[in-house]
Amino acid sequence: MAKLTLADLKKLRDDKKREVEKRDVEGKTTRVIIGMGTCGIAAGAKEAFDAFLDEIDALKLSDVAVTQTGCMGLCHVEPTAEVIVPGMPEIIYGHVKADIAKRIVNEHIVGRKLVDGYVFDKPAADILK
């Protein structure tokens, strides 16, 4: 195994710091919360989580936090992701595989439109008032 240089260690530290910052909700207005209970993990939530992070990185979105939670109670549509965007209803998407995660970033977070066919829970109109 090759020895790490000081430059390698600094780069590793900076990379890990950026990864941690993506999960920090402080000062960020948009949030993606992935259901990472055992049912979600078994259904592919980790891959969806990574796809969200990759797409957010690719688009250089700095105002989006990606976090995880336990089971959301929608085991039949795992993996699930709750998306909170200012000025839009809070939405829970189901069957969120990696390709759908990327669509959610592009269409919902950036384009401010819901991704049809994957919305499994959203608040009733009278709750939004």
N, C-alpha and C. Protein backbone atom coordinates (compact mmCIF):
# COMPACT_ATOMS: atom_id res chain seq x y z
N MET A 1 0.84 -1.18 0.00
CA MET A 1 0.00 0.00 0.00
C MET A 1 0.89 1.24 0.00
N ALA A 2 0.58 2.18 -0.89
CA ALA A 2 1.37 3.40 -1.00
C ALA A 2 1.11 4.32 0.19
N LYS A 3 2.13 5.05 0.55
CA LYS A 3 1.98 6.01 1.64
C LYS A 3 1.28 7.26 1.13
N LEU A 4 0.47 7.85 2.00
CA LEU A 4 -0.22 9.09 1.64
C LEU A 4 0.69 10.27 1.93
N THR A 5 0.69 11.21 1.00
CA THR A 5 1.45 12.43 1.21
C THR A 5 0.58 13.44 1.96
N LEU A 6 1.17 14.52 2.39
CA LEU A 6 0.41 15.57 3.06
C LEU A 6 -0.65 16.15 2.11
N ALA A 7 -0.32 16.28 0.85
CA ALA A 7 -1.28 16.78 -0.14
C ALA A 7 -2.45 15.80 -0.29
N ASP A 8 -2.16 14.50 -0.28
CA ASP A 8 -3.22 13.49 -0.36
C ASP A 8 -4.15 13.59 0.84
N LEU A 9 -3.58 13.75 2.01
CA LEU A 9 -4.38 13.86 3.23
C LEU A 9 -5.25 15.11 3.23
N LYS A 10 -4.70 16.24 2.75
CA LYS A 10 -5.48 17.48 2.67
C LYS A 10 -6.64 17.33 1.68
N LYS A 11 -6.36 16.68 0.55
CA LYS A 11 -7.43 16.46 -0.44
C LYS A 11 -8.51 15.56 0.14
N LEU A 12 -8.11 14.50 0.83
CA LEU A 12 -9.07 13.60 1.46
C LEU A 12 -9.91 14.34 2.48
N ARG A 13 -9.28 15.18 3.29
CA ARG A 13 -10.00 15.97 4.29
C ARG A 13 -11.01 16.90 3.62
N ASP A 14 -10.59 17.59 2.57
CA ASP A 14 -11.48 18.52 1.87
C ASP A 14 -12.65 17.79 1.21
N ASP A 15 -12.39 16.62 0.63
CA ASP A 15 -13.46 15.82 0.01
C ASP A 15 -14.48 15.41 1.06
N LYS A 16 -14.01 14.93 2.18
CA LYS A 16 -14.92 14.48 3.25
C LYS A 16 -15.69 15.66 3.84
N LYS A 17 -15.04 16.80 3.95
CA LYS A 17 -15.71 18.00 4.46
C LYS A 17 -16.85 18.41 3.53
N ARG A 18 -16.63 18.35 2.22
CA ARG A 18 -17.68 18.67 1.25
C ARG A 18 -18.84 17.69 1.36
N GLU A 19 -18.54 16.42 1.56
CA GLU A 19 -19.59 15.41 1.72
C GLU A 19 -20.46 15.71 2.94
N VAL A 20 -19.82 16.07 4.04
CA VAL A 20 -20.55 16.37 5.27
C VAL A 20 -21.38 17.64 5.09
N GLU A 21 -20.87 18.63 4.39
CA GLU A 21 -21.60 19.88 4.17
C GLU A 21 -22.89 19.66 3.39
N LYS A 22 -22.93 18.66 2.52
CA LYS A 22 -24.13 18.36 1.74
C LYS A 22 -25.26 17.89 2.64
N ARG A 23 -24.92 17.33 3.78
CA ARG A 23 -25.93 16.82 4.72
C ARG A 23 -26.33 17.86 5.75
N ASP A 24 -25.60 18.95 5.82
CA ASP A 24 -25.88 20.00 6.80
C ASP A 24 -27.06 20.85 6.32
N VAL A 25 -28.10 20.96 7.14
CA VAL A 25 -29.29 21.71 6.75
C VAL A 25 -29.19 23.19 7.10
N GLU A 26 -28.21 23.56 7.87
CA GLU A 26 -28.05 24.95 8.31
C GLU A 26 -27.92 25.90 7.11
N GLY A 27 -28.86 26.84 7.01
CA GLY A 27 -28.81 27.87 5.97
C GLY A 27 -29.28 27.41 4.60
N LYS A 28 -29.74 26.17 4.48
CA LYS A 28 -30.21 25.68 3.18
C LYS A 28 -31.72 25.66 3.18
N THR A 29 -32.30 26.07 2.07
CA THR A 29 -33.76 26.17 2.01
C THR A 29 -34.43 24.94 1.40
N THR A 30 -33.70 24.16 0.65
CA THR A 30 -34.25 22.98 0.00
C THR A 30 -33.68 21.74 0.66
N ARG A 31 -34.58 20.77 0.93
CA ARG A 31 -34.14 19.54 1.59
C ARG A 31 -34.68 18.32 0.87
N VAL A 32 -33.86 17.29 0.85
CA VAL A 32 -34.26 15.98 0.38
C VAL A 32 -34.00 15.03 1.54
N ILE A 33 -35.05 14.32 1.97
CA ILE A 33 -34.93 13.41 3.11
C ILE A 33 -35.24 12.00 2.61
N ILE A 34 -34.26 11.14 2.67
CA ILE A 34 -34.38 9.78 2.17
C ILE A 34 -34.76 8.84 3.31
N GLY A 35 -35.79 8.01 3.09
CA GLY A 35 -36.18 7.00 4.07
C GLY A 35 -35.16 5.87 4.07
N MET A 36 -34.40 5.76 5.19
CA MET A 36 -33.34 4.76 5.26
C MET A 36 -33.59 3.75 6.38
N GLY A 37 -34.88 3.39 6.56
CA GLY A 37 -35.17 2.26 7.45
C GLY A 37 -34.70 0.99 6.75
N THR A 38 -34.78 -0.14 7.43
CA THR A 38 -34.31 -1.37 6.81
C THR A 38 -35.06 -1.69 5.52
N CYS A 39 -36.36 -1.35 5.49
CA CYS A 39 -37.14 -1.61 4.28
C CYS A 39 -36.64 -0.74 3.12
N GLY A 40 -36.30 0.51 3.41
CA GLY A 40 -35.79 1.40 2.38
C GLY A 40 -34.43 0.98 1.87
N ILE A 41 -33.56 0.62 2.81
CA ILE A 41 -32.21 0.18 2.41
C ILE A 41 -32.30 -1.06 1.54
N ALA A 42 -33.14 -2.01 1.94
CA ALA A 42 -33.29 -3.24 1.16
C ALA A 42 -33.84 -2.96 -0.24
N ALA A 43 -34.63 -1.90 -0.38
CA ALA A 43 -35.24 -1.56 -1.67
C ALA A 43 -34.33 -0.70 -2.54
N GLY A 44 -33.19 -0.24 -2.01
CA GLY A 44 -32.26 0.54 -2.83
C GLY A 44 -32.11 2.00 -2.43
N ALA A 45 -32.46 2.35 -1.19
CA ALA A 45 -32.39 3.75 -0.76
C ALA A 45 -30.97 4.30 -0.79
N LYS A 46 -29.97 3.47 -0.52
CA LYS A 46 -28.58 3.95 -0.54
C LYS A 46 -28.19 4.40 -1.94
N GLU A 47 -28.60 3.64 -2.94
CA GLU A 47 -28.29 4.02 -4.32
C GLU A 47 -29.01 5.32 -4.70
N ALA A 48 -30.25 5.47 -4.24
CA ALA A 48 -31.00 6.71 -4.49
C ALA A 48 -30.32 7.88 -3.78
N PHE A 49 -29.91 7.67 -2.54
CA PHE A 49 -29.21 8.70 -1.76
C PHE A 49 -27.98 9.17 -2.53
N ASP A 50 -27.16 8.22 -2.98
CA ASP A 50 -25.95 8.56 -3.73
C ASP A 50 -26.27 9.28 -5.04
N ALA A 51 -27.36 8.88 -5.71
CA ALA A 51 -27.75 9.53 -6.97
C ALA A 51 -28.16 10.97 -6.73
N PHE A 52 -28.89 11.23 -5.63
CA PHE A 52 -29.24 12.62 -5.29
C PHE A 52 -27.96 13.44 -5.11
N LEU A 53 -27.04 12.92 -4.33
CA LEU A 53 -25.79 13.66 -4.09
C LEU A 53 -25.01 13.90 -5.37
N ASP A 54 -24.92 12.87 -6.22
CA ASP A 54 -24.19 13.00 -7.48
C ASP A 54 -24.81 14.06 -8.39
N GLU A 55 -26.13 14.06 -8.51
CA GLU A 55 -26.80 15.01 -9.40
C GLU A 55 -26.70 16.43 -8.85
N ILE A 56 -26.83 16.57 -7.54
CA ILE A 56 -26.70 17.89 -6.91
C ILE A 56 -25.29 18.42 -7.12
N ASP A 57 -24.30 17.54 -7.03
CA ASP A 57 -22.91 17.92 -7.32
C ASP A 57 -22.74 18.33 -8.77
N ALA A 58 -23.29 17.51 -9.67
CA ALA A 58 -23.13 17.78 -11.11
C ALA A 58 -23.71 19.13 -11.49
N LEU A 59 -24.83 19.50 -10.84
CA LEU A 59 -25.48 20.78 -11.14
C LEU A 59 -24.96 21.92 -10.27
N LYS A 60 -24.05 21.59 -9.35
CA LYS A 60 -23.45 22.58 -8.45
C LYS A 60 -24.51 23.34 -7.64
N LEU A 61 -25.47 22.60 -7.11
CA LEU A 61 -26.52 23.19 -6.28
C LEU A 61 -26.02 23.26 -4.84
N SER A 62 -25.85 24.45 -4.33
CA SER A 62 -25.29 24.60 -2.98
C SER A 62 -26.36 24.81 -1.91
N ASP A 63 -27.61 25.00 -2.31
CA ASP A 63 -28.68 25.31 -1.36
C ASP A 63 -29.56 24.09 -1.05
N VAL A 64 -29.05 22.89 -1.34
CA VAL A 64 -29.83 21.67 -1.14
C VAL A 64 -29.11 20.78 -0.14
N ALA A 65 -29.83 20.38 0.91
CA ALA A 65 -29.30 19.43 1.89
C ALA A 65 -29.95 18.07 1.65
N VAL A 66 -29.15 17.03 1.70
CA VAL A 66 -29.65 15.67 1.56
C VAL A 66 -29.39 14.96 2.89
N THR A 67 -30.47 14.52 3.53
CA THR A 67 -30.35 13.84 4.81
C THR A 67 -31.12 12.54 4.76
N GLN A 68 -31.06 11.81 5.85
CA GLN A 68 -31.78 10.54 5.92
C GLN A 68 -32.62 10.49 7.17
N THR A 69 -33.61 9.62 7.13
CA THR A 69 -34.48 9.39 8.27
C THR A 69 -34.79 7.90 8.33
N GLY A 70 -35.53 7.51 9.32
CA GLY A 70 -35.96 6.12 9.40
C GLY A 70 -37.11 5.85 8.46
N CYS A 71 -37.84 4.82 8.74
CA CYS A 71 -38.98 4.44 7.90
C CYS A 71 -40.04 5.54 7.90
N MET A 72 -40.56 5.86 6.73
CA MET A 72 -41.62 6.86 6.59
C MET A 72 -43.00 6.23 6.66
N GLY A 73 -43.07 4.91 6.80
CA GLY A 73 -44.36 4.23 6.89
C GLY A 73 -44.98 3.92 5.54
N LEU A 74 -44.22 4.08 4.49
CA LEU A 74 -44.71 3.80 3.14
C LEU A 74 -43.89 2.65 2.54
N CYS A 75 -43.76 1.59 3.31
CA CYS A 75 -42.89 0.47 2.93
C CYS A 75 -43.23 -0.11 1.55
N HIS A 76 -44.49 -0.04 1.17
CA HIS A 76 -44.91 -0.61 -0.10
C HIS A 76 -44.40 0.17 -1.32
N VAL A 77 -43.86 1.37 -1.11
CA VAL A 77 -43.35 2.15 -2.24
C VAL A 77 -41.88 2.56 -2.03
N GLU A 78 -41.17 1.82 -1.19
CA GLU A 78 -39.76 2.11 -0.96
C GLU A 78 -38.96 1.93 -2.24
N PRO A 79 -37.87 2.65 -2.36
CA PRO A 79 -37.32 3.72 -1.54
C PRO A 79 -38.16 5.00 -1.65
N THR A 80 -38.23 5.73 -0.54
CA THR A 80 -39.00 6.97 -0.50
C THR A 80 -38.08 8.16 -0.27
N ALA A 81 -38.53 9.32 -0.75
CA ALA A 81 -37.79 10.56 -0.54
C ALA A 81 -38.78 11.70 -0.38
N GLU A 82 -38.62 12.46 0.69
CA GLU A 82 -39.43 13.65 0.89
C GLU A 82 -38.63 14.83 0.34
N VAL A 83 -39.30 15.68 -0.42
CA VAL A 83 -38.64 16.83 -1.03
C VAL A 83 -39.34 18.09 -0.55
N ILE A 84 -38.55 18.99 0.02
CA ILE A 84 -39.07 20.25 0.55
C ILE A 84 -38.40 21.39 -0.21
N VAL A 85 -39.20 22.09 -1.01
CA VAL A 85 -38.73 23.22 -1.81
C VAL A 85 -39.59 24.42 -1.43
N PRO A 86 -38.99 25.56 -1.13
CA PRO A 86 -39.79 26.74 -0.77
C PRO A 86 -40.80 27.09 -1.85
N GLY A 87 -42.03 27.41 -1.40
CA GLY A 87 -43.08 27.80 -2.33
C GLY A 87 -43.80 26.64 -2.99
N MET A 88 -43.44 25.42 -2.62
CA MET A 88 -44.08 24.22 -3.17
C MET A 88 -44.54 23.34 -2.01
N PRO A 89 -45.54 22.48 -2.24
CA PRO A 89 -45.94 21.57 -1.17
C PRO A 89 -44.83 20.56 -0.89
N GLU A 90 -44.77 20.10 0.35
CA GLU A 90 -43.82 19.04 0.69
C GLU A 90 -44.34 17.74 0.08
N ILE A 91 -43.49 17.07 -0.66
CA ILE A 91 -43.89 15.89 -1.43
C ILE A 91 -43.09 14.68 -0.98
N ILE A 92 -43.77 13.54 -0.91
CA ILE A 92 -43.07 12.28 -0.70
C ILE A 92 -43.18 11.48 -1.99
N TYR A 93 -42.01 11.16 -2.53
CA TYR A 93 -41.93 10.34 -3.73
C TYR A 93 -41.66 8.90 -3.33
N GLY A 94 -42.22 7.96 -4.11
CA GLY A 94 -41.98 6.54 -3.88
C GLY A 94 -41.36 5.90 -5.10
N HIS A 95 -40.83 4.70 -4.90
CA HIS A 95 -40.12 3.95 -5.95
C HIS A 95 -38.97 4.78 -6.52
N VAL A 96 -38.23 5.46 -5.63
CA VAL A 96 -37.16 6.37 -6.06
C VAL A 96 -35.87 5.59 -6.26
N LYS A 97 -35.67 5.14 -7.46
CA LYS A 97 -34.39 4.52 -7.84
C LYS A 97 -33.45 5.64 -8.29
N ALA A 98 -32.22 5.30 -8.65
CA ALA A 98 -31.22 6.31 -8.99
C ALA A 98 -31.67 7.21 -10.14
N ASP A 99 -32.27 6.64 -11.18
CA ASP A 99 -32.70 7.46 -12.32
C ASP A 99 -33.82 8.42 -11.93
N ILE A 100 -34.70 7.99 -11.04
CA ILE A 100 -35.79 8.86 -10.59
C ILE A 100 -35.25 9.95 -9.68
N ALA A 101 -34.25 9.63 -8.88
CA ALA A 101 -33.62 10.64 -8.02
C ALA A 101 -33.07 11.78 -8.86
N LYS A 102 -32.43 11.44 -9.96
CA LYS A 102 -31.88 12.47 -10.85
C LYS A 102 -32.99 13.30 -11.48
N ARG A 103 -34.09 12.64 -11.85
CA ARG A 103 -35.24 13.38 -12.40
C ARG A 103 -35.81 14.32 -11.35
N ILE A 104 -35.90 13.88 -10.11
CA ILE A 104 -36.44 14.73 -9.05
C ILE A 104 -35.58 15.98 -8.88
N VAL A 105 -34.28 15.81 -8.91
CA VAL A 105 -33.39 16.98 -8.80
C VAL A 105 -33.65 17.94 -9.96
N ASN A 106 -33.66 17.42 -11.17
CA ASN A 106 -33.79 18.27 -12.36
C ASN A 106 -35.19 18.85 -12.53
N GLU A 107 -36.21 18.03 -12.35
CA GLU A 107 -37.58 18.48 -12.63
C GLU A 107 -38.23 19.18 -11.44
N HIS A 108 -38.06 18.64 -10.23
CA HIS A 108 -38.73 19.21 -9.07
C HIS A 108 -37.90 20.34 -8.45
N ILE A 109 -36.66 20.05 -8.10
CA ILE A 109 -35.85 21.04 -7.40
C ILE A 109 -35.45 22.18 -8.32
N VAL A 110 -34.96 21.86 -9.50
CA VAL A 110 -34.52 22.92 -10.43
C VAL A 110 -35.70 23.46 -11.24
N GLY A 111 -36.52 22.57 -11.83
CA GLY A 111 -37.60 22.98 -12.71
C GLY A 111 -38.89 23.35 -12.01
N ARG A 112 -38.98 23.02 -10.70
CA ARG A 112 -40.14 23.37 -9.87
C ARG A 112 -41.45 22.77 -10.42
N LYS A 113 -41.35 21.51 -10.90
CA LYS A 113 -42.52 20.75 -11.35
C LYS A 113 -42.46 19.38 -10.71
N LEU A 114 -43.63 18.83 -10.35
CA LEU A 114 -43.67 17.51 -9.75
C LEU A 114 -43.34 16.43 -10.78
N VAL A 115 -42.74 15.36 -10.32
CA VAL A 115 -42.40 14.24 -11.19
C VAL A 115 -43.57 13.27 -11.18
N ASP A 116 -44.35 13.28 -12.25
CA ASP A 116 -45.56 12.45 -12.36
C ASP A 116 -45.25 10.97 -12.20
N GLY A 117 -46.17 10.28 -11.57
CA GLY A 117 -46.07 8.85 -11.43
C GLY A 117 -45.33 8.37 -10.21
N TYR A 118 -44.71 9.28 -9.46
CA TYR A 118 -43.93 8.88 -8.30
C TYR A 118 -44.36 9.58 -7.02
N VAL A 119 -45.35 10.46 -7.11
CA VAL A 119 -45.86 11.15 -5.92
C VAL A 119 -46.79 10.19 -5.19
N PHE A 120 -46.45 9.88 -3.95
CA PHE A 120 -47.27 8.94 -3.18
C PHE A 120 -47.90 9.58 -1.97
N ASP A 121 -47.50 10.74 -1.62
CA ASP A 121 -48.12 11.43 -0.50
C ASP A 121 -47.84 12.90 -0.65
N LYS A 122 -48.87 13.70 -0.54
CA LYS A 122 -48.70 15.14 -0.51
C LYS A 122 -49.84 15.68 0.34
N PRO A 123 -49.64 16.83 0.96
CA PRO A 123 -50.67 17.34 1.84
C PRO A 123 -51.93 17.77 1.09
N ALA A 124 -53.05 17.66 1.78
CA ALA A 124 -54.31 18.10 1.20
C ALA A 124 -54.29 19.62 1.04
N ALA A 125 -55.08 20.13 0.10
CA ALA A 125 -55.08 21.55 -0.22
C ALA A 125 -55.39 22.42 1.00
N ASP A 126 -56.26 21.96 1.89
CA ASP A 126 -56.62 22.78 3.05
C ASP A 126 -55.48 22.87 4.06
N ILE A 127 -54.55 21.94 4.03
CA ILE A 127 -53.40 21.99 4.94
C ILE A 127 -52.40 23.04 4.47
N LEU A 128 -52.33 23.27 3.17
CA LEU A 128 -51.35 24.18 2.60
C LEU A 128 -51.61 25.64 2.92
N LYS A 129 -52.82 25.98 3.34
CA LYS A 129 -53.17 27.38 3.58
C LYS A 129 -52.48 27.93 4.80
